[in-house]
Amino acid sequence: MKVHNAEFVISAVGPSQYPEDGLPEVALVGRSNVGKSSLINRMIERRNLARTSSQPGKTQTLNFYRIESKLYFVDLPGYGYAKVSKTKRAEWGKFIEKYLTERDKLKLIIQIIDLRHPPTADDLAMYEWLVYYELPVCLVATKADKVPKGKWQKHLKIIKEALGKRPEDRMVLFSSELGIGRDELWEAIGLAAGLYEESSAEVE
């Protein structure tokens, strides 16, 4: 998908602030500093629309980005960052859970996991939670550029087996640096958001 128009719309912490134009939404979840902002920027081929930070835990709201007036990317606060207070984590948990379980415009949740390492306890807990609520998930194994190509499948297998990946959940190998997986991820998003109906790519 070629993106010509993308804009940051709002940082929200509750339903009263969510956009009301009825566009489908795709949420991005992952541990702090796993590269959610970098993934968004690569997907829309813009360098700085989503702000990247070397300081984990900086995203503390639901950040809505409108893409081509067709859908929203919704960047959620990263999980698993120890320096965030328990009180703040509890606040995040409440509005994130409410958004993920009650938002009828939400069509897909992209869970981003670092390809280089086995899923963390927080990754496992997040996926287990999403499966429990029967939410639609696309797993993205990012930072593929940091792993030798010959070891990609080995690392993907480790992630799949650790998570107990559902057969229906697509898994995309991705690199924000090199653009690997961009077209495949757009296809998964397009299908989930109803932008088009047919797929020629094999679902893992």
N, C-alpha and C. Protein backbone atom coordinates (compact mmCIF):
# COMPACT_ATOMS: atom_id res chain seq x y z
N MET A 1 0.84 -1.20 0.00
CA MET A 1 0.00 0.00 0.00
C MET A 1 0.88 1.24 0.00
N LYS A 2 0.62 2.14 -0.92
CA LYS A 2 1.34 3.40 -0.95
C LYS A 2 0.58 4.42 -0.11
N VAL A 3 1.29 5.06 0.79
CA VAL A 3 0.67 6.01 1.70
C VAL A 3 1.10 7.42 1.33
N HIS A 4 0.13 8.25 0.99
CA HIS A 4 0.41 9.64 0.64
C HIS A 4 0.00 10.59 1.77
N ASN A 5 -1.01 10.18 2.54
CA ASN A 5 -1.52 11.05 3.60
C ASN A 5 -1.58 10.28 4.91
N ALA A 6 -0.86 10.76 5.88
CA ALA A 6 -0.88 10.17 7.22
C ALA A 6 -0.70 11.29 8.22
N GLU A 7 -1.48 11.24 9.29
CA GLU A 7 -1.40 12.33 10.26
C GLU A 7 -1.69 11.83 11.67
N PHE A 8 -1.02 12.45 12.63
CA PHE A 8 -1.32 12.20 14.02
C PHE A 8 -2.61 12.95 14.35
N VAL A 9 -3.55 12.26 15.02
CA VAL A 9 -4.85 12.86 15.29
C VAL A 9 -5.03 13.23 16.75
N ILE A 10 -4.81 12.28 17.67
CA ILE A 10 -5.06 12.58 19.08
C ILE A 10 -4.36 11.56 19.98
N SER A 11 -3.97 12.02 21.16
CA SER A 11 -3.56 11.13 22.24
C SER A 11 -4.73 11.01 23.19
N ALA A 12 -5.23 9.79 23.37
CA ALA A 12 -6.46 9.59 24.13
C ALA A 12 -6.22 8.68 25.33
N VAL A 13 -7.02 8.88 26.38
CA VAL A 13 -6.97 8.01 27.54
C VAL A 13 -8.35 7.46 27.89
N GLY A 14 -9.33 7.72 27.03
CA GLY A 14 -10.66 7.20 27.29
C GLY A 14 -11.57 7.35 26.10
N PRO A 15 -12.70 6.64 26.09
CA PRO A 15 -13.61 6.60 24.95
C PRO A 15 -14.10 7.96 24.48
N SER A 16 -14.26 8.92 25.40
CA SER A 16 -14.77 10.23 25.00
C SER A 16 -13.82 10.96 24.06
N GLN A 17 -12.55 10.51 24.02
CA GLN A 17 -11.54 11.16 23.18
C GLN A 17 -11.28 10.40 21.88
N TYR A 18 -11.83 9.22 21.74
CA TYR A 18 -11.55 8.43 20.54
C TYR A 18 -12.19 9.09 19.31
N PRO A 19 -11.57 8.93 18.13
CA PRO A 19 -12.17 9.45 16.90
C PRO A 19 -13.55 8.85 16.66
N GLU A 20 -14.42 9.63 16.04
CA GLU A 20 -15.79 9.20 15.82
C GLU A 20 -16.15 9.14 14.33
N ASP A 21 -15.14 9.03 13.46
CA ASP A 21 -15.44 9.02 12.03
C ASP A 21 -15.70 7.62 11.49
N GLY A 22 -15.65 6.61 12.37
CA GLY A 22 -16.06 5.27 11.96
C GLY A 22 -15.03 4.46 11.19
N LEU A 23 -13.81 4.95 11.06
CA LEU A 23 -12.79 4.20 10.33
C LEU A 23 -12.31 3.00 11.14
N PRO A 24 -11.92 1.91 10.47
CA PRO A 24 -11.38 0.75 11.19
C PRO A 24 -10.06 1.11 11.87
N GLU A 25 -9.78 0.41 12.97
CA GLU A 25 -8.58 0.69 13.75
C GLU A 25 -7.73 -0.55 13.91
N VAL A 26 -6.42 -0.35 13.88
CA VAL A 26 -5.44 -1.41 14.07
C VAL A 26 -4.54 -1.00 15.23
N ALA A 27 -4.54 -1.78 16.29
CA ALA A 27 -3.76 -1.44 17.48
C ALA A 27 -2.41 -2.12 17.46
N LEU A 28 -1.40 -1.44 17.99
CA LEU A 28 -0.06 -2.01 18.08
C LEU A 28 0.33 -2.15 19.54
N VAL A 29 0.68 -3.39 19.93
CA VAL A 29 1.11 -3.65 21.30
C VAL A 29 2.48 -4.31 21.28
N GLY A 30 3.23 -4.09 22.35
CA GLY A 30 4.55 -4.69 22.45
C GLY A 30 5.25 -4.12 23.67
N ARG A 31 6.33 -4.77 24.06
CA ARG A 31 7.04 -4.27 25.22
C ARG A 31 7.70 -2.93 24.89
N SER A 32 7.99 -2.17 25.92
CA SER A 32 8.62 -0.87 25.72
C SER A 32 9.92 -1.02 24.92
N ASN A 33 10.11 -0.14 23.97
CA ASN A 33 11.32 -0.09 23.15
C ASN A 33 11.46 -1.24 22.16
N VAL A 34 10.36 -1.94 21.85
CA VAL A 34 10.45 -3.02 20.86
C VAL A 34 10.39 -2.48 19.43
N GLY A 35 9.97 -1.21 19.29
CA GLY A 35 9.99 -0.60 17.96
C GLY A 35 8.64 -0.35 17.34
N LYS A 36 7.61 -0.06 18.15
CA LYS A 36 6.28 0.21 17.59
C LYS A 36 6.28 1.46 16.72
N SER A 37 6.91 2.54 17.22
CA SER A 37 6.94 3.79 16.45
C SER A 37 7.72 3.62 15.16
N SER A 38 8.83 2.90 15.23
CA SER A 38 9.64 2.67 14.02
C SER A 38 8.85 1.86 12.99
N LEU A 39 8.07 0.89 13.47
CA LEU A 39 7.24 0.09 12.56
C LEU A 39 6.21 0.97 11.88
N ILE A 40 5.54 1.83 12.64
CA ILE A 40 4.54 2.73 12.04
C ILE A 40 5.19 3.60 10.98
N ASN A 41 6.34 4.18 11.30
CA ASN A 41 7.02 5.06 10.34
C ASN A 41 7.42 4.31 9.07
N ARG A 42 7.86 3.07 9.20
CA ARG A 42 8.21 2.27 8.02
C ARG A 42 6.97 1.92 7.21
N MET A 43 5.87 1.60 7.89
CA MET A 43 4.64 1.23 7.18
C MET A 43 4.11 2.38 6.33
N ILE A 44 4.28 3.61 6.80
CA ILE A 44 3.77 4.75 6.04
C ILE A 44 4.88 5.47 5.27
N GLU A 45 6.11 4.91 5.36
CA GLU A 45 7.28 5.48 4.68
C GLU A 45 7.49 6.96 5.04
N ARG A 46 7.36 7.24 6.32
CA ARG A 46 7.64 8.58 6.83
C ARG A 46 8.62 8.44 7.97
N ARG A 47 9.54 9.34 8.08
CA ARG A 47 10.61 9.16 9.05
C ARG A 47 10.18 9.47 10.49
N ASN A 48 9.36 10.50 10.66
CA ASN A 48 9.14 10.98 12.02
C ASN A 48 7.69 11.23 12.39
N LEU A 49 6.72 10.60 11.72
CA LEU A 49 5.33 10.84 12.13
C LEU A 49 5.10 10.29 13.53
N ALA A 50 5.44 9.03 13.72
CA ALA A 50 5.37 8.44 15.07
C ALA A 50 6.70 8.71 15.75
N ARG A 51 6.66 9.32 16.90
CA ARG A 51 7.89 9.72 17.57
C ARG A 51 8.57 8.53 18.23
N THR A 52 9.80 8.29 17.84
CA THR A 52 10.58 7.23 18.47
C THR A 52 11.38 7.84 19.62
N SER A 53 11.66 7.02 20.60
CA SER A 53 12.39 7.51 21.77
C SER A 53 13.31 6.43 22.29
N SER A 54 14.47 6.86 22.79
CA SER A 54 15.37 5.92 23.44
C SER A 54 14.98 5.72 24.90
N GLN A 55 13.95 6.45 25.32
CA GLN A 55 13.49 6.35 26.71
C GLN A 55 12.24 5.48 26.77
N PRO A 56 12.37 4.22 27.19
CA PRO A 56 11.22 3.33 27.25
C PRO A 56 10.15 3.87 28.19
N GLY A 57 8.89 3.51 27.91
CA GLY A 57 7.80 3.91 28.78
C GLY A 57 7.29 5.31 28.52
N LYS A 58 7.76 5.95 27.43
CA LYS A 58 7.38 7.34 27.19
C LYS A 58 5.95 7.46 26.68
N THR A 59 5.50 6.50 25.87
CA THR A 59 4.12 6.53 25.39
C THR A 59 3.19 6.16 26.53
N GLN A 60 2.36 7.10 26.94
CA GLN A 60 1.48 6.87 28.09
C GLN A 60 0.01 7.06 27.73
N THR A 61 -0.28 7.12 26.46
CA THR A 61 -1.65 7.32 25.99
C THR A 61 -1.88 6.43 24.78
N LEU A 62 -3.12 6.38 24.30
CA LEU A 62 -3.41 5.73 23.02
C LEU A 62 -3.22 6.79 21.94
N ASN A 63 -2.25 6.60 21.07
CA ASN A 63 -1.95 7.58 20.04
C ASN A 63 -2.55 7.14 18.71
N PHE A 64 -3.47 7.94 18.19
CA PHE A 64 -4.20 7.61 16.97
C PHE A 64 -3.57 8.31 15.76
N TYR A 65 -3.25 7.52 14.75
CA TYR A 65 -2.70 8.03 13.48
C TYR A 65 -3.65 7.66 12.35
N ARG A 66 -4.14 8.65 11.64
CA ARG A 66 -5.07 8.40 10.53
C ARG A 66 -4.27 8.22 9.24
N ILE A 67 -4.53 7.10 8.55
CA ILE A 67 -3.77 6.73 7.36
C ILE A 67 -4.69 6.76 6.14
N GLU A 68 -4.39 7.65 5.20
CA GLU A 68 -5.13 7.73 3.94
C GLU A 68 -6.64 7.89 4.12
N SER A 69 -7.06 8.38 5.27
CA SER A 69 -8.49 8.49 5.59
C SER A 69 -9.21 7.15 5.41
N LYS A 70 -8.44 6.04 5.59
CA LYS A 70 -9.01 4.70 5.44
C LYS A 70 -9.01 3.91 6.74
N LEU A 71 -8.05 4.20 7.61
CA LEU A 71 -7.95 3.47 8.87
C LEU A 71 -7.07 4.23 9.84
N TYR A 72 -7.06 3.76 11.08
CA TYR A 72 -6.17 4.31 12.10
C TYR A 72 -5.17 3.25 12.56
N PHE A 73 -3.93 3.67 12.78
CA PHE A 73 -3.01 2.93 13.61
C PHE A 73 -3.15 3.50 15.01
N VAL A 74 -3.25 2.63 16.01
CA VAL A 74 -3.37 3.08 17.39
C VAL A 74 -2.19 2.50 18.17
N ASP A 75 -1.28 3.38 18.55
CA ASP A 75 -0.07 2.98 19.27
C ASP A 75 -0.36 2.97 20.76
N LEU A 76 -0.27 1.79 21.39
CA LEU A 76 -0.57 1.65 22.81
C LEU A 76 0.70 1.74 23.65
N PRO A 77 0.58 2.14 24.91
CA PRO A 77 1.77 2.19 25.78
C PRO A 77 2.47 0.83 25.83
N GLY A 78 3.79 0.87 25.83
CA GLY A 78 4.56 -0.36 25.90
C GLY A 78 4.42 -1.02 27.26
N TYR A 79 4.50 -2.33 27.27
CA TYR A 79 4.39 -3.05 28.54
C TYR A 79 5.76 -3.53 29.01
N GLY A 80 5.83 -3.85 30.30
CA GLY A 80 7.03 -4.47 30.85
C GLY A 80 8.15 -3.52 31.20
N TYR A 81 7.84 -2.22 31.35
CA TYR A 81 8.91 -1.29 31.69
C TYR A 81 8.92 -1.05 33.20
N ALA A 82 9.95 -1.51 33.86
CA ALA A 82 9.98 -1.58 35.33
C ALA A 82 9.96 -0.21 36.01
N LYS A 83 10.50 0.81 35.36
CA LYS A 83 10.62 2.11 36.02
C LYS A 83 9.29 2.88 36.09
N VAL A 84 8.28 2.39 35.37
CA VAL A 84 6.97 3.00 35.47
C VAL A 84 6.33 2.53 36.78
N SER A 85 5.76 3.44 37.53
CA SER A 85 5.21 3.08 38.83
C SER A 85 4.05 2.09 38.70
N LYS A 86 3.82 1.34 39.77
CA LYS A 86 2.71 0.38 39.77
C LYS A 86 1.38 1.10 39.58
N THR A 87 1.26 2.28 40.17
CA THR A 87 0.02 3.06 40.03
C THR A 87 -0.22 3.43 38.57
N LYS A 88 0.85 3.90 37.92
CA LYS A 88 0.73 4.28 36.51
C LYS A 88 0.44 3.07 35.64
N ARG A 89 1.08 1.94 35.92
CA ARG A 89 0.82 0.72 35.15
C ARG A 89 -0.63 0.28 35.31
N ALA A 90 -1.16 0.44 36.52
CA ALA A 90 -2.56 0.06 36.76
C ALA A 90 -3.50 0.96 35.96
N GLU A 91 -3.17 2.25 35.89
CA GLU A 91 -3.98 3.19 35.11
C GLU A 91 -3.95 2.80 33.63
N TRP A 92 -2.75 2.53 33.11
CA TRP A 92 -2.63 2.11 31.72
C TRP A 92 -3.45 0.86 31.47
N GLY A 93 -3.30 -0.10 32.40
CA GLY A 93 -3.98 -1.38 32.22
C GLY A 93 -5.47 -1.23 32.05
N LYS A 94 -6.06 -0.33 32.84
CA LYS A 94 -7.51 -0.15 32.78
C LYS A 94 -7.96 0.41 31.44
N PHE A 95 -7.32 1.49 30.96
CA PHE A 95 -7.83 2.06 29.71
C PHE A 95 -7.41 1.25 28.49
N ILE A 96 -6.28 0.54 28.59
CA ILE A 96 -5.89 -0.35 27.48
C ILE A 96 -6.84 -1.53 27.38
N GLU A 97 -7.15 -2.14 28.52
CA GLU A 97 -8.06 -3.28 28.51
C GLU A 97 -9.44 -2.87 28.01
N LYS A 98 -9.91 -1.72 28.45
CA LYS A 98 -11.22 -1.24 28.01
C LYS A 98 -11.22 -1.01 26.49
N TYR A 99 -10.16 -0.41 25.99
CA TYR A 99 -10.08 -0.17 24.55
C TYR A 99 -10.06 -1.49 23.77
N LEU A 100 -9.20 -2.41 24.17
CA LEU A 100 -9.03 -3.66 23.42
C LEU A 100 -10.27 -4.55 23.45
N THR A 101 -11.01 -4.52 24.54
CA THR A 101 -12.16 -5.43 24.66
C THR A 101 -13.49 -4.81 24.25
N GLU A 102 -13.56 -3.47 24.22
CA GLU A 102 -14.86 -2.83 23.99
C GLU A 102 -14.95 -2.00 22.71
N ARG A 103 -13.84 -1.71 22.08
CA ARG A 103 -13.85 -0.82 20.91
C ARG A 103 -14.32 -1.57 19.67
N ASP A 104 -15.49 -1.24 19.17
CA ASP A 104 -16.04 -2.00 18.04
C ASP A 104 -15.34 -1.69 16.72
N LYS A 105 -14.61 -0.59 16.64
CA LYS A 105 -13.88 -0.25 15.41
C LYS A 105 -12.53 -0.98 15.32
N LEU A 106 -12.13 -1.62 16.40
CA LEU A 106 -10.84 -2.32 16.42
C LEU A 106 -10.94 -3.61 15.61
N LYS A 107 -10.15 -3.72 14.55
CA LYS A 107 -10.24 -4.87 13.65
C LYS A 107 -9.05 -5.81 13.75
N LEU A 108 -7.92 -5.35 14.28
CA LEU A 108 -6.72 -6.18 14.35
C LEU A 108 -5.79 -5.64 15.42
N ILE A 109 -5.13 -6.55 16.13
CA ILE A 109 -4.11 -6.18 17.09
C ILE A 109 -2.78 -6.75 16.60
N ILE A 110 -1.82 -5.88 16.38
CA ILE A 110 -0.48 -6.29 15.97
C ILE A 110 0.38 -6.37 17.23
N GLN A 111 0.79 -7.59 17.57
CA GLN A 111 1.70 -7.75 18.72
C GLN A 111 3.11 -7.88 18.18
N ILE A 112 3.97 -6.96 18.60
CA ILE A 112 5.34 -6.90 18.10
C ILE A 112 6.29 -7.57 19.09
N ILE A 113 7.09 -8.49 18.58
CA ILE A 113 8.03 -9.24 19.40
C ILE A 113 9.41 -9.18 18.75
N ASP A 114 10.43 -9.04 19.55
CA ASP A 114 11.81 -8.95 19.07
C ASP A 114 12.26 -10.34 18.59
N LEU A 115 12.57 -10.44 17.30
CA LEU A 115 12.98 -11.72 16.71
C LEU A 115 14.23 -12.29 17.37
N ARG A 116 15.07 -11.42 17.90
CA ARG A 116 16.38 -11.86 18.40
C ARG A 116 16.29 -12.72 19.65
N HIS A 117 15.19 -12.57 20.39
CA HIS A 117 15.11 -13.21 21.70
C HIS A 117 13.80 -13.99 21.84
N PRO A 118 13.78 -15.02 22.67
CA PRO A 118 12.51 -15.69 22.98
C PRO A 118 11.54 -14.68 23.59
N PRO A 119 10.24 -14.89 23.43
CA PRO A 119 9.26 -13.96 24.03
C PRO A 119 9.49 -13.82 25.54
N THR A 120 9.32 -12.60 26.03
CA THR A 120 9.46 -12.36 27.46
C THR A 120 8.18 -12.84 28.18
N ALA A 121 8.25 -12.85 29.51
CA ALA A 121 7.06 -13.20 30.29
C ALA A 121 5.91 -12.26 29.98
N ASP A 122 6.23 -10.98 29.74
CA ASP A 122 5.19 -10.00 29.40
C ASP A 122 4.61 -10.27 28.01
N ASP A 123 5.46 -10.66 27.06
CA ASP A 123 4.97 -11.03 25.72
C ASP A 123 3.99 -12.20 25.83
N LEU A 124 4.39 -13.21 26.61
CA LEU A 124 3.54 -14.40 26.77
C LEU A 124 2.22 -14.04 27.43
N ALA A 125 2.28 -13.21 28.45
CA ALA A 125 1.06 -12.82 29.16
C ALA A 125 0.13 -12.02 28.24
N MET A 126 0.70 -11.14 27.42
CA MET A 126 -0.11 -10.33 26.51
C MET A 126 -0.81 -11.21 25.49
N TYR A 127 -0.07 -12.12 24.89
CA TYR A 127 -0.67 -12.98 23.87
C TYR A 127 -1.74 -13.88 24.49
N GLU A 128 -1.45 -14.41 25.66
CA GLU A 128 -2.42 -15.26 26.35
C GLU A 128 -3.70 -14.48 26.64
N TRP A 129 -3.56 -13.24 27.01
CA TRP A 129 -4.71 -12.37 27.29
C TRP A 129 -5.52 -12.13 26.01
N LEU A 130 -4.83 -11.84 24.91
CA LEU A 130 -5.51 -11.59 23.63
C LEU A 130 -6.26 -12.84 23.16
N VAL A 131 -5.63 -14.01 23.34
CA VAL A 131 -6.27 -15.27 22.96
C VAL A 131 -7.48 -15.54 23.84
N TYR A 132 -7.35 -15.27 25.12
CA TYR A 132 -8.46 -15.49 26.04
C TYR A 132 -9.70 -14.72 25.61
N TYR A 133 -9.50 -13.48 25.17
CA TYR A 133 -10.62 -12.65 24.74
C TYR A 133 -10.98 -12.85 23.26
N GLU A 134 -10.31 -13.81 22.62
CA GLU A 134 -10.60 -14.19 21.23
C GLU A 134 -10.48 -12.99 20.29
N LEU A 135 -9.45 -12.19 20.50
CA LEU A 135 -9.22 -11.01 19.67
C LEU A 135 -8.35 -11.37 18.47
N PRO A 136 -8.56 -10.69 17.35
CA PRO A 136 -7.78 -10.98 16.14
C PRO A 136 -6.35 -10.43 16.26
N VAL A 137 -5.37 -11.30 16.05
CA VAL A 137 -3.97 -10.92 16.27
C VAL A 137 -3.13 -11.22 15.04
N CYS A 138 -2.20 -10.31 14.75
CA CYS A 138 -1.12 -10.58 13.80
C CYS A 138 0.18 -10.39 14.57
N LEU A 139 0.99 -11.43 14.61
CA LEU A 139 2.27 -11.36 15.30
C LEU A 139 3.34 -10.84 14.35
N VAL A 140 4.10 -9.87 14.80
CA VAL A 140 5.18 -9.30 13.99
C VAL A 140 6.50 -9.51 14.71
N ALA A 141 7.38 -10.29 14.11
CA ALA A 141 8.72 -10.52 14.66
C ALA A 141 9.66 -9.51 14.03
N THR A 142 9.99 -8.48 14.77
CA THR A 142 10.74 -7.37 14.22
C THR A 142 12.24 -7.47 14.52
N LYS A 143 12.99 -6.53 13.97
CA LYS A 143 14.45 -6.47 14.07
C LYS A 143 15.11 -7.64 13.32
N ALA A 144 14.48 -8.06 12.23
CA ALA A 144 15.02 -9.15 11.43
C ALA A 144 16.41 -8.82 10.88
N ASP A 145 16.68 -7.54 10.69
CA ASP A 145 17.99 -7.13 10.17
C ASP A 145 19.11 -7.42 11.17
N LYS A 146 18.76 -7.66 12.43
CA LYS A 146 19.76 -7.94 13.46
C LYS A 146 20.07 -9.44 13.59
N VAL A 147 19.36 -10.26 12.82
CA VAL A 147 19.54 -11.71 12.88
C VAL A 147 19.99 -12.21 11.50
N PRO A 148 21.01 -13.08 11.42
CA PRO A 148 21.42 -13.62 10.12
C PRO A 148 20.24 -14.30 9.42
N LYS A 149 20.12 -14.09 8.12
CA LYS A 149 18.99 -14.61 7.37
C LYS A 149 18.82 -16.12 7.55
N GLY A 150 19.94 -16.83 7.64
CA GLY A 150 19.88 -18.28 7.78
C GLY A 150 19.29 -18.75 9.10
N LYS A 151 19.14 -17.83 10.07
CA LYS A 151 18.59 -18.19 11.38
C LYS A 151 17.17 -17.67 11.58
N TRP A 152 16.60 -17.03 10.56
CA TRP A 152 15.26 -16.46 10.71
C TRP A 152 14.23 -17.51 11.11
N GLN A 153 14.21 -18.63 10.37
CA GLN A 153 13.18 -19.64 10.62
C GLN A 153 13.33 -20.26 12.02
N LYS A 154 14.57 -20.44 12.45
CA LYS A 154 14.81 -20.98 13.79
C LYS A 154 14.22 -20.05 14.85
N HIS A 155 14.46 -18.75 14.69
CA HIS A 155 13.97 -17.78 15.67
C HIS A 155 12.45 -17.67 15.62
N LEU A 156 11.88 -17.73 14.42
CA LEU A 156 10.42 -17.69 14.30
C LEU A 156 9.79 -18.90 14.99
N LYS A 157 10.42 -20.07 14.82
CA LYS A 157 9.90 -21.29 15.44
C LYS A 157 9.92 -21.17 16.96
N ILE A 158 10.98 -20.61 17.50
CA ILE A 158 11.08 -20.43 18.95
C ILE A 158 9.92 -19.55 19.45
N ILE A 159 9.64 -18.47 18.73
CA ILE A 159 8.56 -17.57 19.13
C ILE A 159 7.21 -18.27 19.04
N LYS A 160 6.97 -18.95 17.92
CA LYS A 160 5.69 -19.65 17.73
C LYS A 160 5.44 -20.67 18.82
N GLU A 161 6.46 -21.46 19.12
CA GLU A 161 6.29 -22.52 20.10
C GLU A 161 6.14 -21.97 21.52
N ALA A 162 6.88 -20.92 21.82
CA ALA A 162 6.78 -20.33 23.16
C ALA A 162 5.40 -19.74 23.40
N LEU A 163 4.85 -19.10 22.38
CA LEU A 163 3.54 -18.48 22.52
C LEU A 163 2.40 -19.50 22.46
N GLY A 164 2.65 -20.63 21.79
CA GLY A 164 1.55 -21.52 21.49
C GLY A 164 0.64 -20.88 20.47
N LYS A 165 1.23 -20.37 19.40
CA LYS A 165 0.51 -19.56 18.41
C LYS A 165 -0.70 -20.28 17.83
N ARG A 166 -1.83 -19.57 17.80
CA ARG A 166 -3.03 -20.10 17.16
C ARG A 166 -2.81 -20.23 15.65
N PRO A 167 -3.35 -21.26 15.01
CA PRO A 167 -3.17 -21.43 13.57
C PRO A 167 -3.67 -20.23 12.76
N GLU A 168 -4.73 -19.58 13.24
CA GLU A 168 -5.32 -18.49 12.46
C GLU A 168 -4.56 -17.18 12.58
N ASP A 169 -3.62 -17.09 13.50
CA ASP A 169 -2.87 -15.84 13.67
C ASP A 169 -1.68 -15.81 12.73
N ARG A 170 -1.68 -14.82 11.89
CA ARG A 170 -0.58 -14.65 10.95
C ARG A 170 0.68 -14.20 11.68
N MET A 171 1.83 -14.60 11.17
CA MET A 171 3.10 -14.12 11.72
C MET A 171 3.92 -13.53 10.58
N VAL A 172 4.39 -12.31 10.79
CA VAL A 172 5.13 -11.58 9.75
C VAL A 172 6.54 -11.29 10.25
N LEU A 173 7.53 -11.67 9.47
CA LEU A 173 8.92 -11.30 9.73
C LEU A 173 9.12 -9.87 9.26
N PHE A 174 9.72 -9.03 10.10
CA PHE A 174 9.73 -7.59 9.79
C PHE A 174 11.06 -6.95 10.16
N SER A 175 11.40 -5.91 9.40
CA SER A 175 12.53 -5.05 9.76
C SER A 175 12.17 -3.61 9.41
N SER A 176 12.11 -2.77 10.43
CA SER A 176 11.85 -1.35 10.18
C SER A 176 13.01 -0.71 9.44
N GLU A 177 14.21 -1.21 9.66
CA GLU A 177 15.40 -0.66 9.01
C GLU A 177 15.40 -0.93 7.52
N LEU A 178 15.06 -2.16 7.13
CA LEU A 178 15.19 -2.58 5.73
C LEU A 178 13.86 -2.65 4.98
N GLY A 179 12.76 -2.56 5.70
CA GLY A 179 11.45 -2.65 5.05
C GLY A 179 10.98 -4.07 4.79
N ILE A 180 11.71 -5.05 5.32
CA ILE A 180 11.31 -6.46 5.16
C ILE A 180 9.95 -6.65 5.82
N GLY A 181 9.03 -7.29 5.11
CA GLY A 181 7.72 -7.61 5.66
C GLY A 181 6.67 -6.53 5.54
N ARG A 182 7.04 -5.38 4.99
CA ARG A 182 6.08 -4.27 4.92
C ARG A 182 4.86 -4.63 4.09
N ASP A 183 5.07 -5.16 2.89
CA ASP A 183 3.94 -5.49 2.01
C ASP A 183 3.07 -6.58 2.62
N GLU A 184 3.70 -7.58 3.23
CA GLU A 184 2.93 -8.67 3.83
C GLU A 184 2.09 -8.16 5.00
N LEU A 185 2.66 -7.25 5.79
CA LEU A 185 1.91 -6.72 6.92
C LEU A 185 0.76 -5.84 6.44
N TRP A 186 0.99 -5.06 5.37
CA TRP A 186 -0.10 -4.26 4.83
C TRP A 186 -1.24 -5.16 4.34
N GLU A 187 -0.87 -6.31 3.77
CA GLU A 187 -1.90 -7.24 3.31
C GLU A 187 -2.74 -7.74 4.48
N ALA A 188 -2.08 -8.12 5.57
CA ALA A 188 -2.80 -8.60 6.75
C ALA A 188 -3.71 -7.51 7.31
N ILE A 189 -3.20 -6.29 7.33
CA ILE A 189 -4.00 -5.16 7.83
C ILE A 189 -5.19 -4.90 6.91
N GLY A 190 -4.91 -4.90 5.60
CA GLY A 190 -5.98 -4.64 4.64
C GLY A 190 -7.10 -5.64 4.71
N LEU A 191 -6.75 -6.90 4.86
CA LEU A 191 -7.76 -7.94 4.97
C LEU A 191 -8.58 -7.77 6.24
N ALA A 192 -7.92 -7.52 7.35
CA ALA A 192 -8.62 -7.38 8.63
C ALA A 192 -9.51 -6.14 8.66
N ALA A 193 -9.03 -5.07 8.04
CA ALA A 193 -9.76 -3.80 8.07
C ALA A 193 -10.81 -3.69 6.98
N GLY A 194 -10.87 -4.71 6.10
CA GLY A 194 -11.87 -4.69 5.04
C GLY A 194 -11.52 -3.78 3.88
N LEU A 195 -10.23 -3.46 3.72
CA LEU A 195 -9.83 -2.60 2.61
C LEU A 195 -9.85 -3.34 1.29
N TYR A 196 -9.65 -4.68 1.34
CA TYR A 196 -9.82 -5.55 0.19
C TYR A 196 -10.11 -6.95 0.69
N GLU A 197 -10.50 -7.84 -0.18
CA GLU A 197 -11.08 -9.10 0.26
C GLU A 197 -10.22 -10.32 0.02
N GLU A 198 -9.39 -10.32 -1.02
CA GLU A 198 -8.70 -11.54 -1.37
C GLU A 198 -7.22 -11.44 -1.10
N SER A 199 -6.62 -12.58 -0.76
CA SER A 199 -5.20 -12.64 -0.49
C SER A 199 -4.57 -13.76 -1.31
N SER A 200 -3.43 -13.48 -1.88
CA SER A 200 -2.69 -14.51 -2.61
C SER A 200 -1.55 -15.07 -1.78
N ALA A 201 -1.25 -14.40 -0.65
CA ALA A 201 -0.11 -14.82 0.18
C ALA A 201 -0.56 -15.94 1.12
N GLU A 202 0.38 -16.80 1.42
CA GLU A 202 0.09 -17.90 2.32
C GLU A 202 0.13 -17.41 3.77
N VAL A 203 -0.87 -17.79 4.52
CA VAL A 203 -0.90 -17.48 5.93
C VAL A 203 -0.20 -18.57 6.70
N GLU A 204 0.73 -18.16 7.56
CA GLU A 204 1.49 -19.14 8.33
C GLU A 204 0.62 -19.73 9.42
